[in-house]
Amino acid sequence: MSTDQPNNPLHGITLKTIMEDLVSRYSWQELHDKIAINCFINNPSIKSSLKFLRKTEWARDKVEALYVRDHIRIERNKKRNKRRAEMRKFRKENTDDESS
């Protein structure tokens, strides 16, 4: 049986990694605003959040969905910024050629 999961964006990513990434990107208050989970607002910590999320499937699903949405948006923005940088470079090269 194969362990490859090409269509699973969370394959190989631990819940701890997900939480650390989200906490580094957002404050606990922002996380609570995005997903109304009390462990994000009442004495929040990675450890207590992991304990709760491992026991509560609906909350874990919401946290994982937020993580996936964020990573899709981040990857899209990286591609967009790369295209924009290439276009600026192309325009600069063409305006330099025309002025010579």
Protein backbone atom coordinates (compact mmCIF):
# COMPACT_ATOMS: atom_id res chain seq x y z
CA MET A 1 0.00 0.00 0.00
CA SER A 2 1.37 3.40 -1.00
CA THR A 3 1.76 6.16 1.57
CA ASP A 4 1.84 8.94 -1.05
CA GLN A 5 -0.97 11.44 -0.71
CA PRO A 6 -0.45 13.93 -3.54
CA ASN A 7 -3.89 15.53 -3.11
CA ASN A 8 -3.59 16.03 0.65
CA PRO A 9 -2.06 19.46 1.37
CA LEU A 10 -1.59 18.53 5.03
CA HIS A 11 0.29 15.29 4.40
CA GLY A 12 3.41 15.21 6.56
CA ILE A 13 2.54 18.38 8.48
CA THR A 14 1.96 17.96 12.21
CA LEU A 15 -0.70 19.80 14.16
CA LYS A 16 2.08 21.37 16.22
CA THR A 17 3.69 22.76 13.05
CA ILE A 18 0.34 24.13 11.91
CA MET A 19 -0.26 25.85 15.25
CA GLU A 20 3.26 27.28 15.44
CA ASP A 21 2.90 28.67 11.92
CA LEU A 22 -0.50 30.21 12.60
CA VAL A 23 0.62 31.72 15.92
CA SER A 24 3.68 33.22 14.23
CA ARG A 25 1.47 34.75 11.54
CA TYR A 26 -1.42 35.88 13.73
CA SER A 27 -1.79 36.91 17.35
CA TRP A 28 -3.89 34.74 19.64
CA GLN A 29 -6.62 37.39 19.47
CA GLU A 30 -6.61 37.30 15.66
CA LEU A 31 -6.80 33.51 15.72
CA HIS A 32 -9.78 33.73 18.06
CA ASP A 33 -11.41 36.29 15.76
CA LYS A 34 -10.95 33.94 12.78
CA ILE A 35 -11.97 30.79 14.65
CA ALA A 36 -14.00 31.28 17.84
CA ILE A 37 -12.25 28.75 20.06
CA ASN A 38 -11.84 29.59 23.74
CA CYS A 39 -8.38 28.02 24.03
CA PHE A 40 -7.16 30.82 21.71
CA ILE A 41 -8.31 33.54 24.12
CA ASN A 42 -8.32 32.08 27.66
CA ASN A 43 -4.71 31.65 28.78
CA PRO A 44 -3.56 30.58 25.29
CA SER A 45 -0.53 28.43 24.63
CA ILE A 46 0.56 26.01 21.95
CA LYS A 47 0.45 23.14 24.44
CA SER A 48 -3.10 23.80 25.66
CA SER A 49 -4.33 24.42 22.12
CA LEU A 50 -2.84 21.15 20.88
CA LYS A 51 -4.46 19.26 23.75
CA PHE A 52 -7.86 20.74 22.90
CA LEU A 53 -7.52 20.36 19.12
CA ARG A 54 -6.48 16.72 19.38
CA LYS A 55 -9.67 15.96 21.32
CA THR A 56 -12.06 18.15 19.33
CA GLU A 57 -12.40 17.21 15.67
CA TRP A 58 -14.55 20.18 14.56
CA ALA A 59 -12.02 22.65 15.97
CA ARG A 60 -9.09 20.84 14.40
CA ASP A 61 -10.89 20.83 11.05
CA LYS A 62 -11.35 24.61 11.25
CA VAL A 63 -7.69 25.20 12.18
CA GLU A 64 -6.49 22.95 9.35
CA ALA A 65 -8.82 24.69 6.88
CA LEU A 66 -7.45 28.10 7.91
CA TYR A 67 -3.89 26.83 7.47
CA VAL A 68 -4.62 25.41 4.01
CA ARG A 69 -6.41 28.62 2.88
CA ASP A 70 -3.49 30.72 4.10
CA HIS A 71 -0.92 28.60 2.31
CA ILE A 72 -2.90 28.66 -0.94
CA ARG A 73 -3.09 32.46 -0.66
CA ILE A 74 0.63 32.75 0.17
CA GLU A 75 1.64 30.57 -2.79
CA ARG A 76 -0.65 32.53 -5.12
CA ASN A 77 0.87 35.81 -3.93
CA LYS A 78 4.41 34.47 -4.41
CA LYS A 79 3.60 33.55 -8.02
CA ARG A 80 1.91 36.90 -8.61
CA ASN A 81 4.86 38.82 -7.14
CA LYS A 82 7.31 36.81 -9.23
CA ARG A 83 5.34 37.59 -12.42
CA ARG A 84 5.19 41.27 -11.46
CA ALA A 85 8.95 41.39 -10.81
CA GLU A 86 9.62 39.74 -14.17
CA MET A 87 7.33 42.24 -15.89
CA ARG A 88 9.06 45.20 -14.20
CA LYS A 89 12.42 43.83 -15.28
CA PHE A 90 11.16 43.32 -18.84
CA ARG A 91 9.75 46.86 -19.01
CA LYS A 92 12.96 48.33 -17.59
CA GLU A 93 15.07 46.46 -20.15
CA ASN A 94 12.81 47.60 -22.98
CA THR A 95 12.78 51.25 -21.92
CA ASP A 96 16.59 51.16 -21.56
CA ASP A 97 16.90 49.73 -25.10
CA GLU A 98 14.60 52.38 -26.57
CA SER A 99 16.45 55.27 -24.98
CA SER A 100 19.84 54.09 -26.31
